[in-house]
């Protein structure tokens, strides 16, 4: 697994938690980044060339190579049973409290990231049609040290090509949990 060649064990302390509910809250700055849905593909961490991108970084809205950086929130892989899995960065001791939360709510109907119950310590098996909410590793911003949130819908898994394609909407406005397209309101 190419990830282990680069990863230095580190932990990130989870800091300030803000229970802000709207942009009218005086603690939160006005949002500046518009939320938009993107379609992304990742190659499996194992069984693909090192030069392929196997991880996703919510803060930069981009796919990343795990041999070049540890700045990511989850990794895609095919496990030993041939199942597609997403693995939160916290499993590798690099993502602080990065986590995944499976949802039965359709992708378009998820309006806000829920609190709590994110899987941080194990892989999550995914199939086409599955939906989840992603909590990023924490980042420093003007109102504290907080995670960003995203929602993800699995479009396709190609086990033969060792690829996953999904739609994702990431909210990179500090302190906001809204997962609707456009400027967030909460």
N, C-alpha and C. Protein backbone atom coordinates (compact mmCIF):
# COMPACT_ATOMS: atom_id res chain seq x y z
N UNK A 1 0.86 -1.17 0.00
CA UNK A 1 0.00 0.00 0.00
C UNK A 1 0.89 1.22 0.00
N UNK A 2 0.83 2.01 -1.02
CA UNK A 2 1.77 3.12 -1.19
C UNK A 2 1.61 4.23 -0.15
N UNK A 3 0.49 4.32 0.50
CA UNK A 3 0.27 5.35 1.50
C UNK A 3 1.30 5.29 2.62
N UNK A 4 1.63 4.10 3.06
CA UNK A 4 2.51 3.96 4.21
C UNK A 4 3.95 4.39 3.95
N UNK A 5 4.34 4.52 2.70
CA UNK A 5 5.69 4.99 2.41
C UNK A 5 5.86 6.45 2.78
N UNK A 6 4.79 7.19 2.81
CA UNK A 6 4.89 8.63 2.99
C UNK A 6 4.38 9.11 4.34
N UNK A 7 3.45 8.38 4.91
CA UNK A 7 2.77 8.86 6.10
C UNK A 7 3.64 8.79 7.33
N UNK A 8 3.76 9.91 8.00
CA UNK A 8 4.37 9.95 9.32
C UNK A 8 3.21 10.01 10.29
N UNK A 9 3.23 9.17 11.29
CA UNK A 9 2.12 9.16 12.22
C UNK A 9 2.03 10.51 12.92
N UNK A 10 0.88 11.09 12.81
CA UNK A 10 0.65 12.37 13.48
C UNK A 10 -0.82 12.46 13.82
N UNK A 11 -1.12 13.26 14.77
CA UNK A 11 -2.50 13.46 15.14
C UNK A 11 -2.80 14.94 15.18
N UNK A 12 -4.02 15.23 14.94
CA UNK A 12 -4.46 16.61 14.96
C UNK A 12 -5.50 16.74 16.06
N UNK A 13 -5.29 17.67 16.97
CA UNK A 13 -6.24 17.88 18.05
C UNK A 13 -7.46 18.60 17.51
N UNK A 14 -8.60 18.11 17.92
CA UNK A 14 -9.83 18.78 17.51
C UNK A 14 -10.07 19.90 18.50
N UNK A 15 -10.22 21.08 17.98
CA UNK A 15 -10.35 22.27 18.81
C UNK A 15 -11.77 22.74 18.96
N UNK A 16 -11.91 23.97 18.80
CA UNK A 16 -13.14 24.70 19.00
C UNK A 16 -14.31 24.11 18.23
N UNK A 17 -15.42 23.93 18.92
CA UNK A 17 -16.64 23.47 18.26
C UNK A 17 -17.65 24.60 18.36
N UNK A 18 -18.18 24.99 17.23
CA UNK A 18 -19.13 26.08 17.20
C UNK A 18 -20.48 25.54 16.78
N UNK A 19 -21.50 25.85 17.53
CA UNK A 19 -22.84 25.42 17.21
C UNK A 19 -23.61 26.50 16.48
N UNK A 20 -22.98 27.16 15.56
CA UNK A 20 -23.63 28.24 14.82
C UNK A 20 -24.68 27.69 13.88
N UNK A 21 -25.78 28.40 13.75
CA UNK A 21 -26.86 27.88 12.93
C UNK A 21 -27.18 28.70 11.70
N UNK A 22 -26.69 29.90 11.59
CA UNK A 22 -26.99 30.67 10.38
C UNK A 22 -25.93 31.72 10.16
N UNK A 23 -25.95 32.31 8.95
CA UNK A 23 -24.96 33.32 8.66
C UNK A 23 -25.26 34.61 9.41
N UNK A 24 -26.43 34.70 10.09
CA UNK A 24 -26.73 35.85 10.92
C UNK A 24 -26.00 35.77 12.26
N UNK A 25 -25.45 34.61 12.57
CA UNK A 25 -24.70 34.43 13.81
C UNK A 25 -23.47 35.33 13.74
N UNK A 26 -23.26 36.19 14.74
CA UNK A 26 -22.15 37.14 14.68
C UNK A 26 -20.77 36.47 14.70
N UNK A 27 -20.68 35.21 15.09
CA UNK A 27 -19.40 34.52 15.14
C UNK A 27 -18.90 34.17 13.74
N UNK A 28 -19.80 33.81 12.86
CA UNK A 28 -19.41 33.36 11.53
C UNK A 28 -19.24 34.52 10.55
N UNK A 29 -18.16 34.49 9.79
CA UNK A 29 -18.02 35.51 8.74
C UNK A 29 -18.99 35.19 7.61
N UNK A 30 -19.24 36.14 6.76
CA UNK A 30 -20.10 35.89 5.59
C UNK A 30 -19.44 34.84 4.71
N UNK A 31 -20.25 33.92 4.14
CA UNK A 31 -19.66 32.91 3.27
C UNK A 31 -19.13 33.55 2.00
N UNK A 32 -18.03 32.99 1.47
CA UNK A 32 -17.46 33.54 0.24
C UNK A 32 -17.37 32.50 -0.87
N UNK A 33 -17.46 31.23 -0.52
CA UNK A 33 -17.36 30.17 -1.51
C UNK A 33 -18.73 29.57 -1.79
N UNK A 34 -19.09 29.51 -3.04
CA UNK A 34 -20.36 28.92 -3.44
C UNK A 34 -20.22 27.40 -3.51
N UNK A 35 -21.16 26.69 -2.95
CA UNK A 35 -21.18 25.23 -3.00
C UNK A 35 -21.63 24.77 -4.39
N UNK A 36 -20.92 23.80 -4.96
CA UNK A 36 -21.29 23.27 -6.27
C UNK A 36 -20.98 21.78 -6.32
N UNK A 37 -21.78 21.07 -7.06
CA UNK A 37 -21.58 19.62 -7.22
C UNK A 37 -20.53 19.38 -8.30
N UNK A 38 -19.60 18.46 -8.01
CA UNK A 38 -18.56 18.08 -8.95
C UNK A 38 -18.62 16.56 -9.11
N UNK A 39 -18.16 16.06 -10.24
CA UNK A 39 -18.05 14.62 -10.46
C UNK A 39 -16.58 14.26 -10.46
N UNK A 40 -16.22 13.25 -9.67
CA UNK A 40 -14.83 12.91 -9.41
C UNK A 40 -14.63 11.40 -9.58
N UNK A 41 -13.45 11.02 -10.06
CA UNK A 41 -13.06 9.61 -10.11
C UNK A 41 -11.76 9.43 -9.36
N UNK A 42 -11.65 8.31 -8.66
CA UNK A 42 -10.42 7.94 -7.95
C UNK A 42 -10.04 6.53 -8.34
N UNK A 43 -8.75 6.26 -8.34
CA UNK A 43 -8.23 4.91 -8.55
C UNK A 43 -7.98 4.27 -7.19
N UNK A 44 -8.05 2.96 -7.13
CA UNK A 44 -7.81 2.26 -5.87
C UNK A 44 -6.40 2.50 -5.38
N UNK A 45 -6.24 2.55 -4.08
CA UNK A 45 -4.94 2.76 -3.45
C UNK A 45 -3.99 1.61 -3.79
N UNK A 46 -4.51 0.40 -3.79
CA UNK A 46 -3.70 -0.78 -4.11
C UNK A 46 -4.01 -1.26 -5.52
N UNK A 47 -3.00 -1.78 -6.21
CA UNK A 47 -3.20 -2.39 -7.51
C UNK A 47 -3.29 -1.40 -8.66
N UNK A 48 -2.90 -0.16 -8.44
CA UNK A 48 -2.86 0.85 -9.50
C UNK A 48 -1.50 1.54 -9.44
N UNK A 49 -1.08 2.20 -10.52
CA UNK A 49 0.21 2.89 -10.50
C UNK A 49 0.27 3.98 -9.41
N UNK A 50 1.44 4.19 -8.89
CA UNK A 50 1.65 5.20 -7.85
C UNK A 50 1.20 6.58 -8.32
N UNK A 51 1.30 6.83 -9.61
CA UNK A 51 0.96 8.15 -10.14
C UNK A 51 -0.55 8.42 -10.20
N UNK A 52 -1.37 7.45 -9.85
CA UNK A 52 -2.81 7.68 -9.87
C UNK A 52 -3.27 8.36 -8.58
N UNK A 53 -4.39 9.01 -8.68
CA UNK A 53 -4.94 9.72 -7.53
C UNK A 53 -5.96 8.81 -6.84
N UNK A 54 -5.73 8.57 -5.56
CA UNK A 54 -6.56 7.64 -4.80
C UNK A 54 -7.28 8.30 -3.63
N UNK A 55 -7.03 9.59 -3.39
CA UNK A 55 -7.60 10.25 -2.23
C UNK A 55 -8.27 11.56 -2.63
N UNK A 56 -9.11 12.07 -1.71
CA UNK A 56 -9.81 13.32 -1.96
C UNK A 56 -9.59 14.27 -0.79
N UNK A 57 -9.32 15.53 -1.12
CA UNK A 57 -9.13 16.59 -0.14
C UNK A 57 -10.31 17.55 -0.22
N UNK A 58 -11.16 17.55 0.78
CA UNK A 58 -12.35 18.40 0.78
C UNK A 58 -11.98 19.88 0.70
N UNK A 59 -10.99 20.32 1.47
CA UNK A 59 -10.63 21.74 1.53
C UNK A 59 -10.18 22.30 0.18
N UNK A 60 -9.46 21.51 -0.59
CA UNK A 60 -8.98 21.99 -1.90
C UNK A 60 -9.87 21.55 -3.05
N UNK A 61 -10.93 20.81 -2.73
CA UNK A 61 -11.87 20.31 -3.74
C UNK A 61 -11.15 19.51 -4.82
N UNK A 62 -10.19 18.68 -4.40
CA UNK A 62 -9.39 18.01 -5.42
C UNK A 62 -8.99 16.59 -5.03
N UNK A 63 -8.70 15.81 -6.08
CA UNK A 63 -8.14 14.48 -5.89
C UNK A 63 -6.64 14.65 -5.66
N UNK A 64 -6.05 13.74 -4.88
CA UNK A 64 -4.62 13.85 -4.58
C UNK A 64 -3.95 12.48 -4.63
N UNK A 65 -2.66 12.52 -4.82
CA UNK A 65 -1.82 11.32 -4.78
C UNK A 65 -1.33 11.11 -3.35
N UNK A 66 -1.47 9.90 -2.85
CA UNK A 66 -1.07 9.62 -1.47
C UNK A 66 0.43 9.46 -1.29
N UNK A 67 1.18 9.35 -2.39
CA UNK A 67 2.63 9.26 -2.26
C UNK A 67 3.27 10.64 -2.24
N UNK A 68 2.48 11.67 -2.46
CA UNK A 68 2.99 13.04 -2.54
C UNK A 68 2.54 13.87 -1.34
N UNK A 69 1.37 13.58 -0.79
CA UNK A 69 0.83 14.39 0.30
C UNK A 69 -0.01 13.55 1.26
N UNK A 70 -0.12 14.03 2.47
CA UNK A 70 -1.05 13.44 3.43
C UNK A 70 -2.23 14.38 3.67
N UNK A 71 -2.36 15.41 2.84
CA UNK A 71 -3.45 16.38 2.95
C UNK A 71 -4.67 15.84 2.20
N UNK A 72 -5.37 14.91 2.81
CA UNK A 72 -6.59 14.37 2.24
C UNK A 72 -7.51 13.92 3.35
N UNK A 73 -8.78 13.68 3.00
CA UNK A 73 -9.78 13.33 3.99
C UNK A 73 -10.27 11.89 3.90
N UNK A 74 -10.21 11.30 2.71
CA UNK A 74 -10.54 9.89 2.57
C UNK A 74 -9.83 9.32 1.35
N UNK A 75 -9.69 7.99 1.36
CA UNK A 75 -9.01 7.24 0.31
C UNK A 75 -9.98 6.20 -0.23
N UNK A 76 -9.85 5.89 -1.51
CA UNK A 76 -10.63 4.81 -2.12
C UNK A 76 -9.72 3.60 -2.28
N UNK A 77 -10.30 2.41 -2.05
CA UNK A 77 -9.56 1.18 -2.28
C UNK A 77 -10.55 0.06 -2.59
N UNK A 78 -10.02 -1.06 -3.07
CA UNK A 78 -10.75 -2.31 -3.22
C UNK A 78 -10.19 -3.23 -2.16
N UNK A 79 -11.03 -3.73 -1.27
CA UNK A 79 -10.51 -4.56 -0.17
C UNK A 79 -10.23 -5.99 -0.64
N UNK A 80 -9.74 -6.82 0.26
CA UNK A 80 -9.35 -8.19 -0.09
C UNK A 80 -10.53 -9.06 -0.50
N UNK A 81 -11.75 -8.62 -0.21
CA UNK A 81 -12.94 -9.35 -0.62
C UNK A 81 -13.49 -8.82 -1.94
N UNK A 82 -12.78 -7.84 -2.55
CA UNK A 82 -13.20 -7.28 -3.82
C UNK A 82 -14.25 -6.19 -3.71
N UNK A 83 -14.46 -5.68 -2.50
CA UNK A 83 -15.46 -4.63 -2.29
C UNK A 83 -14.83 -3.25 -2.38
N UNK A 84 -15.60 -2.29 -2.91
CA UNK A 84 -15.15 -0.90 -2.93
C UNK A 84 -15.31 -0.33 -1.53
N UNK A 85 -14.27 0.36 -1.06
CA UNK A 85 -14.32 0.97 0.28
C UNK A 85 -13.77 2.39 0.24
N UNK A 86 -14.33 3.23 1.08
CA UNK A 86 -13.78 4.55 1.34
C UNK A 86 -13.22 4.49 2.76
N UNK A 87 -12.02 5.03 2.92
CA UNK A 87 -11.33 4.95 4.21
C UNK A 87 -11.03 6.36 4.69
N UNK A 88 -11.57 6.76 5.85
CA UNK A 88 -11.26 8.10 6.35
C UNK A 88 -9.78 8.23 6.70
N UNK A 89 -9.23 9.41 6.48
CA UNK A 89 -7.80 9.64 6.74
C UNK A 89 -7.43 9.36 8.19
N UNK A 90 -8.38 9.50 9.10
CA UNK A 90 -8.09 9.25 10.51
C UNK A 90 -7.66 7.80 10.76
N UNK A 91 -8.06 6.87 9.90
CA UNK A 91 -7.63 5.47 10.03
C UNK A 91 -6.10 5.38 9.93
N UNK A 92 -5.52 6.25 9.11
CA UNK A 92 -4.07 6.25 8.89
C UNK A 92 -3.34 7.16 9.88
N UNK A 93 -4.06 7.68 10.87
CA UNK A 93 -3.51 8.58 11.90
C UNK A 93 -2.97 9.87 11.31
N UNK A 94 -3.64 10.35 10.25
CA UNK A 94 -3.21 11.62 9.66
C UNK A 94 -4.36 12.60 9.51
N UNK A 95 -5.57 12.17 9.71
CA UNK A 95 -6.71 13.04 9.43
C UNK A 95 -7.44 13.53 10.64
N UNK A 96 -6.79 13.47 11.81
CA UNK A 96 -7.47 13.95 13.01
C UNK A 96 -8.81 13.27 13.16
N UNK A 97 -9.86 14.01 12.97
CA UNK A 97 -11.21 13.50 13.18
C UNK A 97 -11.97 13.35 11.87
N UNK A 98 -11.26 13.21 10.75
CA UNK A 98 -11.92 13.02 9.45
C UNK A 98 -12.81 11.79 9.55
N UNK A 99 -14.01 11.89 8.97
CA UNK A 99 -14.91 10.76 9.07
C UNK A 99 -15.95 10.73 7.97
N UNK A 100 -16.62 9.59 7.88
CA UNK A 100 -17.66 9.33 6.89
C UNK A 100 -18.93 8.92 7.62
N UNK A 101 -20.06 9.39 7.14
CA UNK A 101 -21.34 9.02 7.75
C UNK A 101 -22.31 8.58 6.66
N UNK A 102 -22.52 7.27 6.53
CA UNK A 102 -23.48 6.78 5.54
C UNK A 102 -24.87 7.37 5.81
N UNK A 103 -25.61 7.60 4.72
CA UNK A 103 -26.94 8.21 4.83
C UNK A 103 -27.92 7.47 3.95
N UNK A 104 -29.15 7.37 4.42
CA UNK A 104 -30.22 6.80 3.61
C UNK A 104 -30.98 7.91 2.87
N UNK A 105 -30.63 9.15 3.14
CA UNK A 105 -31.25 10.30 2.47
C UNK A 105 -30.63 10.45 1.08
N UNK A 106 -31.44 10.65 0.05
CA UNK A 106 -30.87 10.86 -1.29
C UNK A 106 -29.92 12.05 -1.31
N UNK A 107 -28.91 11.98 -2.18
CA UNK A 107 -27.88 13.01 -2.29
C UNK A 107 -28.48 14.42 -2.36
N UNK A 108 -29.42 14.63 -3.28
CA UNK A 108 -30.00 15.97 -3.49
C UNK A 108 -30.78 16.47 -2.28
N UNK A 109 -31.24 15.56 -1.43
CA UNK A 109 -32.07 15.95 -0.29
C UNK A 109 -31.28 16.23 0.99
N UNK A 110 -29.99 15.98 0.98
CA UNK A 110 -29.17 16.30 2.16
C UNK A 110 -28.92 17.80 2.14
N UNK A 111 -29.43 18.50 3.12
CA UNK A 111 -29.37 19.96 3.16
C UNK A 111 -28.28 20.47 4.09
N UNK A 112 -27.92 19.68 5.10
CA UNK A 112 -26.96 20.14 6.09
C UNK A 112 -26.23 18.93 6.69
N UNK A 113 -24.97 19.14 7.05
CA UNK A 113 -24.19 18.05 7.65
C UNK A 113 -24.65 17.82 9.08
N UNK A 114 -24.97 16.58 9.41
CA UNK A 114 -25.38 16.28 10.78
C UNK A 114 -24.18 16.28 11.72
N UNK A 115 -24.46 16.40 12.99
CA UNK A 115 -23.40 16.31 14.00
C UNK A 115 -23.26 14.86 14.45
N UNK A 116 -22.06 14.47 14.81
CA UNK A 116 -21.81 13.17 15.41
C UNK A 116 -22.02 11.97 14.51
N UNK A 117 -21.64 10.80 15.04
CA UNK A 117 -21.81 9.49 14.41
C UNK A 117 -21.07 9.33 13.09
N UNK A 118 -19.90 9.95 12.94
CA UNK A 118 -19.07 9.76 11.76
C UNK A 118 -18.13 8.59 12.02
N UNK A 119 -17.96 7.75 11.02
CA UNK A 119 -17.03 6.62 11.14
C UNK A 119 -15.62 7.17 10.92
N UNK A 120 -14.77 6.99 11.91
CA UNK A 120 -13.41 7.51 11.86
C UNK A 120 -12.34 6.43 11.97
N UNK A 121 -12.75 5.20 12.30
CA UNK A 121 -11.78 4.17 12.63
C UNK A 121 -11.78 2.95 11.72
N UNK A 122 -12.55 3.00 10.63
CA UNK A 122 -12.60 1.83 9.74
C UNK A 122 -13.09 2.22 8.35
N UNK A 123 -12.88 1.31 7.42
CA UNK A 123 -13.33 1.50 6.05
C UNK A 123 -14.85 1.37 5.97
N UNK A 124 -15.43 2.06 5.00
CA UNK A 124 -16.87 1.98 4.75
C UNK A 124 -17.06 1.36 3.36
N UNK A 125 -17.75 0.23 3.30
CA UNK A 125 -18.05 -0.42 2.02
C UNK A 125 -19.09 0.42 1.29
N UNK A 126 -18.85 0.67 -0.01
CA UNK A 126 -19.78 1.48 -0.80
C UNK A 126 -20.17 0.76 -2.09
N UNK A 127 -21.39 1.04 -2.53
CA UNK A 127 -21.94 0.52 -3.77
C UNK A 127 -22.52 1.69 -4.56
N UNK A 128 -22.69 1.53 -5.87
CA UNK A 128 -23.36 2.58 -6.64
C UNK A 128 -24.71 2.91 -6.01
N UNK A 129 -25.00 4.18 -5.89
CA UNK A 129 -26.23 4.64 -5.26
C UNK A 129 -26.09 5.01 -3.80
N UNK A 130 -25.01 4.57 -3.16
CA UNK A 130 -24.79 4.91 -1.75
C UNK A 130 -24.48 6.40 -1.61
N UNK A 131 -24.90 6.94 -0.48
CA UNK A 131 -24.71 8.36 -0.17
C UNK A 131 -24.08 8.46 1.21
N UNK A 132 -23.21 9.44 1.38
CA UNK A 132 -22.66 9.69 2.71
C UNK A 132 -22.29 11.15 2.88
N UNK A 133 -22.17 11.54 4.14
CA UNK A 133 -21.69 12.87 4.49
C UNK A 133 -20.24 12.69 4.93
N UNK A 134 -19.39 13.63 4.52
CA UNK A 134 -17.97 13.59 4.82
C UNK A 134 -17.63 14.73 5.77
N UNK A 135 -16.90 14.42 6.82
CA UNK A 135 -16.33 15.45 7.70
C UNK A 135 -14.83 15.45 7.44
N UNK A 136 -14.29 16.61 7.06
CA UNK A 136 -12.87 16.70 6.75
C UNK A 136 -12.02 16.71 8.03
N UNK A 137 -10.73 16.62 7.84
CA UNK A 137 -9.82 16.86 8.95
C UNK A 137 -9.99 18.33 9.32
N UNK A 138 -9.58 18.71 10.50
CA UNK A 138 -9.78 20.10 10.93
C UNK A 138 -8.82 21.04 10.21
N UNK A 139 -9.29 22.27 10.06
CA UNK A 139 -8.49 23.31 9.42
C UNK A 139 -8.60 24.58 10.26
N UNK A 140 -7.57 25.37 10.25
CA UNK A 140 -7.57 26.63 10.96
C UNK A 140 -8.23 27.70 10.08
N UNK A 141 -9.18 28.41 10.65
CA UNK A 141 -9.84 29.49 9.91
C UNK A 141 -10.10 30.65 10.87
N UNK A 142 -10.77 31.66 10.39
CA UNK A 142 -10.93 32.88 11.18
C UNK A 142 -11.74 32.70 12.46
N UNK A 143 -12.55 31.66 12.56
CA UNK A 143 -13.36 31.47 13.77
C UNK A 143 -12.90 30.28 14.61
N UNK A 144 -11.81 29.66 14.27
CA UNK A 144 -11.30 28.56 15.07
C UNK A 144 -10.69 27.45 14.25
N UNK A 145 -10.64 26.28 14.86
CA UNK A 145 -10.12 25.09 14.20
C UNK A 145 -11.30 24.15 14.02
N UNK A 146 -11.76 24.04 12.78
CA UNK A 146 -13.00 23.33 12.48
C UNK A 146 -12.86 22.46 11.24
N UNK A 147 -13.73 21.44 11.11
CA UNK A 147 -13.74 20.67 9.87
C UNK A 147 -14.62 21.35 8.83
N UNK A 148 -14.48 20.92 7.58
CA UNK A 148 -15.40 21.27 6.52
C UNK A 148 -16.29 20.06 6.32
N UNK A 149 -17.39 20.25 5.58
CA UNK A 149 -18.32 19.15 5.34
C UNK A 149 -18.61 19.01 3.85
N UNK A 150 -18.96 17.79 3.47
CA UNK A 150 -19.31 17.50 2.08
C UNK A 150 -20.35 16.39 2.08
N UNK A 151 -21.06 16.28 0.95
CA UNK A 151 -21.92 15.12 0.74
C UNK A 151 -21.45 14.44 -0.52
N UNK A 152 -21.55 13.12 -0.54
CA UNK A 152 -20.99 12.31 -1.62
C UNK A 152 -22.01 11.28 -2.05
N UNK A 153 -22.18 11.11 -3.35
CA UNK A 153 -23.06 10.07 -3.88
C UNK A 153 -22.29 9.21 -4.86
N UNK A 154 -22.22 7.91 -4.60
CA UNK A 154 -21.47 6.99 -5.47
C UNK A 154 -22.25 6.78 -6.76
N UNK A 155 -21.61 7.09 -7.89
CA UNK A 155 -22.22 6.92 -9.21
C UNK A 155 -21.90 5.55 -9.78
N UNK A 156 -20.61 5.17 -9.73
CA UNK A 156 -20.20 3.89 -10.33
C UNK A 156 -18.95 3.36 -9.64
N UNK A 157 -18.85 2.05 -9.63
CA UNK A 157 -17.65 1.36 -9.17
C UNK A 157 -17.26 0.38 -10.27
N UNK A 158 -16.01 0.46 -10.72
CA UNK A 158 -15.51 -0.46 -11.73
C UNK A 158 -14.38 -1.25 -11.08
N UNK A 159 -14.72 -2.43 -10.57
CA UNK A 159 -13.73 -3.24 -9.85
C UNK A 159 -12.61 -3.69 -10.77
N UNK A 160 -12.91 -3.97 -12.03
CA UNK A 160 -11.89 -4.39 -12.99
C UNK A 160 -10.86 -3.30 -13.25
N UNK A 161 -11.31 -2.07 -13.40
CA UNK A 161 -10.41 -0.93 -13.60
C UNK A 161 -9.95 -0.34 -12.27
N UNK A 162 -10.53 -0.84 -11.16
CA UNK A 162 -10.18 -0.38 -9.82
C UNK A 162 -10.43 1.12 -9.69
N UNK A 163 -11.64 1.55 -10.08
CA UNK A 163 -12.01 2.97 -10.07
C UNK A 163 -13.38 3.17 -9.44
N UNK A 164 -13.55 4.34 -8.85
CA UNK A 164 -14.85 4.76 -8.34
C UNK A 164 -15.14 6.15 -8.92
N UNK A 165 -16.39 6.40 -9.23
CA UNK A 165 -16.83 7.72 -9.68
C UNK A 165 -17.96 8.15 -8.75
N UNK A 166 -17.88 9.38 -8.28
CA UNK A 166 -18.91 9.88 -7.38
C UNK A 166 -19.15 11.37 -7.63
N UNK A 167 -20.33 11.82 -7.17
CA UNK A 167 -20.60 13.25 -7.17
C UNK A 167 -20.35 13.73 -5.75
N UNK A 168 -19.84 14.96 -5.64
CA UNK A 168 -19.53 15.49 -4.33
C UNK A 168 -19.80 16.99 -4.31
N UNK A 169 -20.36 17.44 -3.21
CA UNK A 169 -20.55 18.87 -2.96
C UNK A 169 -19.85 19.16 -1.65
N UNK A 170 -18.84 20.03 -1.69
CA UNK A 170 -18.07 20.38 -0.49
C UNK A 170 -18.35 21.82 -0.10
N UNK A 171 -18.57 22.04 1.18
CA UNK A 171 -18.75 23.39 1.70
C UNK A 171 -17.45 23.79 2.40
N UNK A 172 -16.71 24.71 1.80
CA UNK A 172 -15.42 25.11 2.37
C UNK A 172 -15.49 26.51 2.98
N UNK A 173 -16.66 26.86 3.47
CA UNK A 173 -16.85 28.10 4.23
C UNK A 173 -16.74 27.74 5.71
N UNK A 174 -15.81 28.34 6.39
CA UNK A 174 -15.49 28.01 7.77
C UNK A 174 -16.71 28.13 8.69
N UNK A 175 -17.02 27.03 9.37
CA UNK A 175 -18.10 27.01 10.33
C UNK A 175 -19.48 26.71 9.77
N UNK A 176 -19.60 26.58 8.47
CA UNK A 176 -20.90 26.34 7.84
C UNK A 176 -21.10 24.85 7.59
N UNK A 177 -22.34 24.38 7.76
CA UNK A 177 -22.68 22.98 7.57
C UNK A 177 -23.62 22.75 6.40
N UNK A 178 -24.06 23.82 5.75
CA UNK A 178 -25.02 23.71 4.66
C UNK A 178 -24.44 22.91 3.49
N UNK A 179 -25.25 22.00 2.96
CA UNK A 179 -24.83 21.19 1.81
C UNK A 179 -25.77 21.37 0.63
N UNK A 180 -26.31 22.56 0.51
CA UNK A 180 -27.11 22.94 -0.65
C UNK A 180 -26.21 23.66 -1.62
N UNK A 181 -26.49 23.59 -2.93
CA UNK A 181 -25.73 24.37 -3.90
C UNK A 181 -25.90 25.87 -3.63
N UNK A 182 -24.87 26.65 -4.00
CA UNK A 182 -24.91 28.10 -3.82
C UNK A 182 -24.23 28.53 -2.54
N UNK A 183 -24.35 29.81 -2.22
CA UNK A 183 -23.76 30.32 -0.97
C UNK A 183 -24.52 29.73 0.22
N UNK A 184 -23.80 29.22 1.20
CA UNK A 184 -24.49 28.59 2.34
C UNK A 184 -25.16 29.63 3.24
N UNK A 185 -26.21 29.18 3.90
CA UNK A 185 -26.93 30.02 4.84
C UNK A 185 -26.77 29.53 6.27
N UNK A 186 -26.19 28.36 6.44
CA UNK A 186 -26.01 27.82 7.79
C UNK A 186 -24.71 27.06 7.90
